[in-house]
Amino acid sequence: MHRRTALAAAAVLASAALLLSACTGTASPTPTATDLTPDPDASLNVRLVLEPSNLDIRETSGAALDQILIDNIYQGLVARTPDQEIVESLASDYSVSDDGLTYTFTLREGVVFHDGSELTPADVVWSLEQVKDNEAYRDSARLANVAKIEADGQVVTLTLSEPDSTLLWNLTGRAGLILKKGDKTDRKVDANGTGPFTLESWKQGDSITFARNDDYWGDKAKVA
């Protein structure tokens, strides 16, 4: 399946809810969700109002990047549903201590980056430390209360200097995205994430094309 994001000066703004599936308009009567049969080989065109200046989600601002890349290309330990519920993503489980100072995440088994390399606890620790310690990165301040990030086997622990009720929410966005440690990918024009889509091409001023990631750890992307 391909997902082609067309770019136009005046168009329909894409919604992040188009992550794994989308419904096309039909003549009346409109079928219910149970009537729709997902097509794994379909194409989906999404028109956006604005084109990002580049694809580096670490250092480049703009809502367009969030809509295009978060949960499609890049993922975090936790994610946000269309109903704004926080759920597990690259973490198969997580817990928060009673005092709110310790967040423990168990990494999901079998996750690979788009280049085929396996996700490791070292990738998680490195990614979060990079954001926390580098003020040039977008949303660095959202991890300001994280004092320490450690890994023990498949478990990653975040220790806070003071309770932060917004931490899990912040980890569903840019601040929590997990990248490959030491990756040489030029993030301005390319991407290497763990999400259900891979970046196939970016034709500046025209389109960004995603392809279904057949090695994705979760349900494969489909369009209905």
C-alpha atoms as a PDB file:
ATOM      1  CA  MET A   1       0.000   0.000   0.000  1.00  0.00           C
ATOM      2  CA  HIS A   2       1.158   3.516  -0.797  1.00  0.00           C
ATOM      3  CA  ARG A   3       0.098   6.686   0.930  1.00  0.00           C
ATOM      4  CA  ARG A   4       0.737   9.797  -1.157  1.00  0.00           C
ATOM      5  CA  THR A   5       0.520  13.135   0.628  1.00  0.00           C
ATOM      6  CA  ALA A   6      -0.109  15.879  -1.913  1.00  0.00           C
ATOM      7  CA  LEU A   7       0.999  19.389  -1.040  1.00  0.00           C
ATOM      8  CA  ALA A   8      -1.027  22.435  -2.009  1.00  0.00           C
ATOM      9  CA  ALA A   9      -1.394  26.082  -1.058  1.00  0.00           C
ATOM     10  CA  ALA A  10      -5.082  25.634  -0.357  1.00  0.00           C
ATOM     11  CA  ALA A  11      -6.310  22.166   0.436  1.00  0.00           C
ATOM     12  CA  VAL A  12      -7.850  19.943   3.040  1.00  0.00           C
ATOM     13  CA  LEU A  13      -5.807  19.684   6.211  1.00  0.00           C
ATOM     14  CA  ALA A  14      -4.870  16.101   7.002  1.00  0.00           C
ATOM     15  CA  SER A  15      -5.767  14.633  10.351  1.00  0.00           C
ATOM     16  CA  ALA A  16      -3.459  12.495  12.447  1.00  0.00           C
ATOM     17  CA  ALA A  17      -6.376  10.067  12.708  1.00  0.00           C
ATOM     18  CA  LEU A  18      -5.418   8.858   9.219  1.00  0.00           C
ATOM     19  CA  LEU A  19      -2.626   6.843  10.788  1.00  0.00           C
ATOM     20  CA  LEU A  20      -3.546   3.303   9.797  1.00  0.00           C
ATOM     21  CA  SER A  21      -6.820   3.577   7.903  1.00  0.00           C
ATOM     22  CA  ALA A  22      -9.129   6.056   6.286  1.00  0.00           C
ATOM     23  CA  CYS A  23     -12.655   6.088   4.896  1.00  0.00           C
ATOM     24  CA  THR A  24     -13.376   7.479   1.443  1.00  0.00           C
ATOM     25  CA  GLY A  25     -16.574   9.387   0.661  1.00  0.00           C
ATOM     26  CA  THR A  26     -19.376   7.326  -0.894  1.00  0.00           C
ATOM     27  CA  ALA A  27     -22.829   7.893  -2.279  1.00  0.00           C
ATOM     28  CA  SER A  28     -25.762   7.685   0.121  1.00  0.00           C
ATOM     29  CA  PRO A  29     -26.348   5.563   2.090  1.00  0.00           C
ATOM     30  CA  THR A  30     -22.969   5.705   3.766  1.00  0.00           C
ATOM     31  CA  PRO A  31     -21.686   2.259   4.799  1.00  0.00           C
ATOM     32  CA  THR A  32     -20.870   1.625   8.404  1.00  0.00           C
ATOM     33  CA  ALA A  33     -17.356   0.741   9.558  1.00  0.00           C
ATOM     34  CA  THR A  34     -18.309  -2.946   9.571  1.00  0.00           C
ATOM     35  CA  ASP A  35     -19.320  -2.724   5.866  1.00  0.00           C
ATOM     36  CA  LEU A  36     -15.899  -1.524   4.756  1.00  0.00           C
ATOM     37  CA  THR A  37     -13.309  -4.071   3.678  1.00  0.00           C
ATOM     38  CA  PRO A  38      -9.706  -2.870   4.091  1.00  0.00           C
ATOM     39  CA  ASP A  39      -7.612  -3.115   0.935  1.00  0.00           C
ATOM     40  CA  PRO A  40      -3.943  -3.787   1.763  1.00  0.00           C
ATOM     41  CA  ASP A  41      -2.876  -2.663  -1.726  1.00  0.00           C
ATOM     42  CA  ALA A  42      -4.873   0.567  -1.935  1.00  0.00           C
ATOM     43  CA  SER A  43      -3.426   4.044  -2.267  1.00  0.00           C
ATOM     44  CA  LEU A  44      -4.421   6.987  -0.093  1.00  0.00           C
ATOM     45  CA  ASN A  45      -3.973  10.606  -1.151  1.00  0.00           C
ATOM     46  CA  VAL A  46      -4.002  13.234   1.602  1.00  0.00           C
ATOM     47  CA  ARG A  47      -3.785  16.928   0.763  1.00  0.00           C
ATOM     48  CA  LEU A  48      -2.031  19.302   3.154  1.00  0.00           C
ATOM     49  CA  VAL A  49      -2.136  23.067   3.476  1.00  0.00           C
ATOM     50  CA  LEU A  50       1.560  23.461   4.261  1.00  0.00           C
ATOM     51  CA  GLU A  51       4.713  21.661   3.180  1.00  0.00           C
ATOM     52  CA  PRO A  52       7.468  21.265   5.775  1.00  0.00           C
ATOM     53  CA  SER A  53      10.752  22.987   4.980  1.00  0.00           C
ATOM     54  CA  ASN A  54      12.514  19.704   5.737  1.00  0.00           C
ATOM     55  CA  LEU A  55      11.719  16.392   7.465  1.00  0.00           C
ATOM     56  CA  ASP A  56      13.940  16.701  10.546  1.00  0.00           C
ATOM     57  CA  ILE A  57      11.395  16.293  13.317  1.00  0.00           C
ATOM     58  CA  ARG A  58      14.057  16.841  15.966  1.00  0.00           C
ATOM     59  CA  GLU A  59      15.002  20.378  14.995  1.00  0.00           C
ATOM     60  CA  THR A  60      12.316  21.673  12.652  1.00  0.00           C
ATOM     61  CA  SER A  61       9.101  23.274  13.883  1.00  0.00           C
ATOM     62  CA  GLY A  62       5.682  23.072  12.259  1.00  0.00           C
ATOM     63  CA  ALA A  63       2.454  21.137  12.725  1.00  0.00           C
ATOM     64  CA  ALA A  64       2.796  19.612   9.254  1.00  0.00           C
ATOM     65  CA  LEU A  65       5.707  17.460  10.409  1.00  0.00           C
ATOM     66  CA  ASP A  66       3.746  16.189  13.405  1.00  0.00           C
ATOM     67  CA  GLN A  67       0.790  15.212  11.221  1.00  0.00           C
ATOM     68  CA  ILE A  68       2.931  13.556   8.578  1.00  0.00           C
ATOM     69  CA  LEU A  69       5.570  11.746  10.623  1.00  0.00           C
ATOM     70  CA  ILE A  70       4.430  11.022  14.193  1.00  0.00           C
ATOM     71  CA  ASP A  71       3.007   7.478  14.477  1.00  0.00           C
ATOM     72  CA  ASN A  72       3.299   7.020  10.700  1.00  0.00           C
ATOM     73  CA  ILE A  73       7.101   7.018  10.452  1.00  0.00           C
ATOM     74  CA  TYR A  74       8.372   7.641  13.987  1.00  0.00           C
ATOM     75  CA  GLN A  75       6.978   6.258  17.242  1.00  0.00           C
ATOM     76  CA  GLY A  76       7.467   6.601  20.970  1.00  0.00           C
ATOM     77  CA  LEU A  77       7.171   4.291  23.945  1.00  0.00           C
ATOM     78  CA  VAL A  78       3.543   5.348  24.227  1.00  0.00           C
ATOM     79  CA  ALA A  79       1.067   6.783  21.731  1.00  0.00           C
ATOM     80  CA  ARG A  80      -2.123   8.812  21.647  1.00  0.00           C
ATOM     81  CA  THR A  81      -5.375   7.441  20.210  1.00  0.00           C
ATOM     82  CA  PRO A  82      -7.858   9.613  18.253  1.00  0.00           C
ATOM     83  CA  ASP A  83      -9.820   9.746  21.528  1.00  0.00           C
ATOM     84  CA  GLN A  84      -6.732  11.183  23.264  1.00  0.00           C
ATOM     85  CA  GLU A  85      -6.152   8.032  25.306  1.00  0.00           C
ATOM     86  CA  ILE A  86      -2.537   7.134  26.086  1.00  0.00           C
ATOM     87  CA  VAL A  87      -1.690   3.566  25.065  1.00  0.00           C
ATOM     88  CA  GLU A  88       1.402   1.386  24.749  1.00  0.00           C
ATOM     89  CA  SER A  89       3.401   1.623  21.529  1.00  0.00           C
ATOM     90  CA  LEU A  90       7.098   0.652  21.451  1.00  0.00           C
ATOM     91  CA  ALA A  91       6.620  -0.245  25.103  1.00  0.00           C
ATOM     92  CA  SER A  92       4.469  -3.333  25.620  1.00  0.00           C
ATOM     93  CA  ASP A  93       3.785  -2.252  29.192  1.00  0.00           C
ATOM     94  CA  TYR A  94       4.520   0.628  31.550  1.00  0.00           C
ATOM     95  CA  SER A  95       3.967   1.607  35.158  1.00  0.00           C
ATOM     96  CA  VAL A  96       4.269   4.706  37.320  1.00  0.00           C
ATOM     97  CA  SER A  97       5.387   4.592  40.956  1.00  0.00           C
ATOM     98  CA  ASP A  98       3.024   5.794  43.683  1.00  0.00           C
ATOM     99  CA  ASP A  99       5.164   8.876  44.307  1.00  0.00           C
ATOM    100  CA  GLY A 100       5.145   9.769  40.603  1.00  0.00           C
ATOM    101  CA  LEU A 101       8.932   9.814  40.357  1.00  0.00           C
ATOM    102  CA  THR A 102       9.639   6.557  38.534  1.00  0.00           C
ATOM    103  CA  TYR A 103       8.297   5.542  35.123  1.00  0.00           C
ATOM    104  CA  THR A 104       9.119   2.005  34.023  1.00  0.00           C
ATOM    105  CA  PHE A 105       8.697   0.829  30.423  1.00  0.00           C
ATOM    106  CA  THR A 106       9.085  -2.724  29.106  1.00  0.00           C
ATOM    107  CA  LEU A 107      10.173  -2.654  25.466  1.00  0.00           C
ATOM    108  CA  ARG A 108       8.176  -4.560  22.900  1.00  0.00           C
ATOM    109  CA  GLU A 109       9.934  -7.555  21.361  1.00  0.00           C
ATOM    110  CA  GLY A 110      10.493  -7.848  17.623  1.00  0.00           C
ATOM    111  CA  VAL A 111      10.523  -4.159  16.704  1.00  0.00           C
ATOM    112  CA  VAL A 112      12.832  -3.199  13.835  1.00  0.00           C
ATOM    113  CA  PHE A 113      13.710   0.114  12.231  1.00  0.00           C
ATOM    114  CA  HIS A 114      12.984   0.656   8.558  1.00  0.00           C
ATOM    115  CA  ASP A 115      16.620  -0.164   7.750  1.00  0.00           C
ATOM    116  CA  GLY A 116      16.113  -3.624   9.275  1.00  0.00           C
ATOM    117  CA  SER A 117      18.066  -3.085  12.495  1.00  0.00           C
ATOM    118  CA  GLU A 118      16.482  -4.155  15.770  1.00  0.00           C
ATOM    119  CA  LEU A 119      15.211  -1.621  18.295  1.00  0.00           C
ATOM    120  CA  THR A 120      17.342  -1.802  21.452  1.00  0.00           C
ATOM    121  CA  PRO A 121      17.106  -0.279  24.934  1.00  0.00           C
ATOM    122  CA  ALA A 122      20.227   1.723  24.038  1.00  0.00           C
ATOM    123  CA  ASP A 123      18.272   3.396  21.220  1.00  0.00           C
ATOM    124  CA  VAL A 124      15.575   4.433  23.683  1.00  0.00           C
ATOM    125  CA  VAL A 125      17.980   5.791  26.291  1.00  0.00           C
ATOM    126  CA  TRP A 126      19.992   7.662  23.657  1.00  0.00           C
ATOM    127  CA  SER A 127      16.916   9.145  21.966  1.00  0.00           C
ATOM    128  CA  LEU A 128      15.404  10.494  25.174  1.00  0.00           C
ATOM    129  CA  GLU A 129      18.728  11.765  26.499  1.00  0.00           C
ATOM    130  CA  GLN A 130      19.373  13.576  23.212  1.00  0.00           C
ATOM    131  CA  VAL A 131      16.094  15.450  23.558  1.00  0.00           C
ATOM    132  CA  LYS A 132      16.497  16.112  27.274  1.00  0.00           C
ATOM    133  CA  ASP A 133      20.049  17.427  27.015  1.00  0.00           C
ATOM    134  CA  ASN A 134      19.869  19.364  23.738  1.00  0.00           C
ATOM    135  CA  GLU A 135      17.897  22.599  23.922  1.00  0.00           C
ATOM    136  CA  ALA A 136      18.101  22.940  20.136  1.00  0.00           C
ATOM    137  CA  TYR A 137      15.771  19.970  19.775  1.00  0.00           C
ATOM    138  CA  ARG A 138      12.069  20.670  19.579  1.00  0.00           C
ATOM    139  CA  ASP A 139      10.208  20.005  22.860  1.00  0.00           C
ATOM    140  CA  SER A 140      13.397  19.498  24.869  1.00  0.00           C
ATOM    141  CA  ALA A 141      11.790  21.363  27.775  1.00  0.00           C
ATOM    142  CA  ARG A 142       9.066  18.724  27.989  1.00  0.00           C
ATOM    143  CA  LEU A 143      11.601  16.329  29.535  1.00  0.00           C
ATOM    144  CA  ALA A 144      13.000  18.915  31.956  1.00  0.00           C
ATOM    145  CA  ASN A 145      11.873  16.958  35.018  1.00  0.00           C
ATOM    146  CA  VAL A 146      13.577  13.746  33.882  1.00  0.00           C
ATOM    147  CA  ALA A 147      16.722  13.393  35.987  1.00  0.00           C
ATOM    148  CA  LYS A 148      17.927   9.976  34.838  1.00  0.00           C
ATOM    149  CA  ILE A 149      17.235   7.479  32.041  1.00  0.00           C
ATOM    150  CA  GLU A 150      18.495   3.919  32.489  1.00  0.00           C
ATOM    151  CA  ALA A 151      18.078   0.524  30.843  1.00  0.00           C
ATOM    152  CA  ASP A 152      18.233  -2.913  32.443  1.00  0.00           C
ATOM    153  CA  GLY A 153      17.596  -5.645  29.917  1.00  0.00           C
ATOM    154  CA  GLN A 154      14.383  -4.785  28.072  1.00  0.00           C
ATOM    155  CA  VAL A 155      13.259  -2.386  30.796  1.00  0.00           C
ATOM    156  CA  VAL A 156      13.849   1.364  30.528  1.00  0.00           C
ATOM    157  CA  THR A 157      13.374   3.499  33.635  1.00  0.00           C
ATOM    158  CA  LEU A 158      12.888   7.251  33.796  1.00  0.00           C
ATOM    159  CA  THR A 159      13.567   8.824  37.189  1.00  0.00           C
ATOM    160  CA  LEU A 160      12.133  12.288  37.756  1.00  0.00           C
ATOM    161  CA  SER A 161      13.386  15.109  39.957  1.00  0.00           C
ATOM    162  CA  GLU A 162       9.780  15.976  40.770  1.00  0.00           C
ATOM    163  CA  PRO A 163       6.395  14.546  39.776  1.00  0.00           C
ATOM    164  CA  ASP A 164       5.205  15.529  36.313  1.00  0.00           C
ATOM    165  CA  SER A 165       1.614  14.622  35.442  1.00  0.00           C
ATOM    166  CA  THR A 166       2.197  15.616  31.807  1.00  0.00           C
ATOM    167  CA  LEU A 167       5.144  13.301  31.156  1.00  0.00           C
ATOM    168  CA  LEU A 168       3.256  10.421  29.541  1.00  0.00           C
ATOM    169  CA  TRP A 169       1.384  12.849  27.316  1.00  0.00           C
ATOM    170  CA  ASN A 170       4.653  14.522  26.339  1.00  0.00           C
ATOM    171  CA  LEU A 171       6.165  11.150  25.479  1.00  0.00           C
ATOM    172  CA  THR A 172       3.429  10.613  22.872  1.00  0.00           C
ATOM    173  CA  GLY A 173       4.746  13.603  20.904  1.00  0.00           C
ATOM    174  CA  ARG A 174       8.064  14.789  19.531  1.00  0.00           C
ATOM    175  CA  ALA A 175       9.871  14.594  22.856  1.00  0.00           C
ATOM    176  CA  GLY A 176       9.275  10.852  23.104  1.00  0.00           C
ATOM    177  CA  LEU A 177      10.111   9.726  19.580  1.00  0.00           C
ATOM    178  CA  ILE A 178      12.642   6.901  19.422  1.00  0.00           C
ATOM    179  CA  LEU A 179      15.362   7.046  16.771  1.00  0.00           C
ATOM    180  CA  LYS A 180      18.233   4.694  16.038  1.00  0.00           C
ATOM    181  CA  LYS A 181      21.367   5.464  18.020  1.00  0.00           C
ATOM    182  CA  GLY A 182      24.211   6.564  15.769  1.00  0.00           C
ATOM    183  CA  ASP A 183      22.026   6.534  12.668  1.00  0.00           C
ATOM    184  CA  LYS A 184      23.610   8.317   9.694  1.00  0.00           C
ATOM    185  CA  THR A 185      20.300   9.013   7.950  1.00  0.00           C
ATOM    186  CA  ASP A 186      19.980  12.632   6.812  1.00  0.00           C
ATOM    187  CA  ARG A 187      16.739  13.416   8.627  1.00  0.00           C
ATOM    188  CA  LYS A 188      16.181  16.568   6.578  1.00  0.00           C
ATOM    189  CA  VAL A 189      15.358  14.526   3.478  1.00  0.00           C
ATOM    190  CA  ASP A 190      14.968  10.932   4.680  1.00  0.00           C
ATOM    191  CA  ALA A 191      13.644   8.976   7.658  1.00  0.00           C
ATOM    192  CA  ASN A 192      14.400   5.758   9.527  1.00  0.00           C
ATOM    193  CA  GLY A 193      11.714   5.017  12.077  1.00  0.00           C
ATOM    194  CA  THR A 194       9.729   2.061  13.378  1.00  0.00           C
ATOM    195  CA  GLY A 195       6.243   3.050  12.197  1.00  0.00           C
ATOM    196  CA  PRO A 196       3.723   1.327   9.900  1.00  0.00           C
ATOM    197  CA  PHE A 197       4.887   3.368   6.893  1.00  0.00           C
ATOM    198  CA  THR A 198       8.294   3.949   5.345  1.00  0.00           C
ATOM    199  CA  LEU A 199       9.260   7.132   3.523  1.00  0.00           C
ATOM    200  CA  GLU A 200       9.453   6.238  -0.161  1.00  0.00           C
ATOM    201  CA  SER A 201      10.031   9.671  -1.653  1.00  0.00           C
ATOM    202  CA  TRP A 202       9.679  13.405  -1.128  1.00  0.00           C
ATOM    203  CA  LYS A 203       9.205  15.595  -4.188  1.00  0.00           C
ATOM    204  CA  GLN A 204       9.453  19.089  -2.784  1.00  0.00           C
ATOM    205  CA  GLY A 205       6.512  21.246  -3.741  1.00  0.00           C
ATOM    206  CA  ASP A 206       4.569  18.218  -4.970  1.00  0.00           C
ATOM    207  CA  SER A 207       4.221  15.181  -2.729  1.00  0.00           C
ATOM    208  CA  ILE A 208       5.505  12.927   0.016  1.00  0.00           C
ATOM    209  CA  THR A 209       4.995   9.223  -0.633  1.00  0.00           C
ATOM    210  CA  PHE A 210       4.846   6.567   2.075  1.00  0.00           C
ATOM    211  CA  ALA A 211       4.917   2.806   1.509  1.00  0.00           C
ATOM    212  CA  ARG A 212       3.468   0.209   3.836  1.00  0.00           C
ATOM    213  CA  ASN A 213       6.081  -1.238   6.176  1.00  0.00           C
ATOM    214  CA  ASP A 214       5.651  -4.984   5.764  1.00  0.00           C
ATOM    215  CA  ASP A 215       8.035  -5.603   8.668  1.00  0.00           C
ATOM    216  CA  TYR A 216       5.947  -3.510  11.061  1.00  0.00           C
ATOM    217  CA  TRP A 217       5.552  -5.014  14.542  1.00  0.00           C
ATOM    218  CA  GLY A 218       1.809  -4.268  14.704  1.00  0.00           C
ATOM    219  CA  ASP A 219      -1.144  -4.569  12.354  1.00  0.00           C
ATOM    220  CA  LYS A 220      -0.170  -3.781   8.772  1.00  0.00           C
ATOM    221  CA  ALA A 221      -1.514  -0.528   7.349  1.00  0.00           C
ATOM    222  CA  LYS A 222      -4.693  -0.812   5.264  1.00  0.00           C
ATOM    223  CA  VAL A 223      -7.147   1.583   3.652  1.00  0.00           C
ATOM    224  CA  ALA A 224     -10.909   1.074   3.564  1.00  0.00           C
END
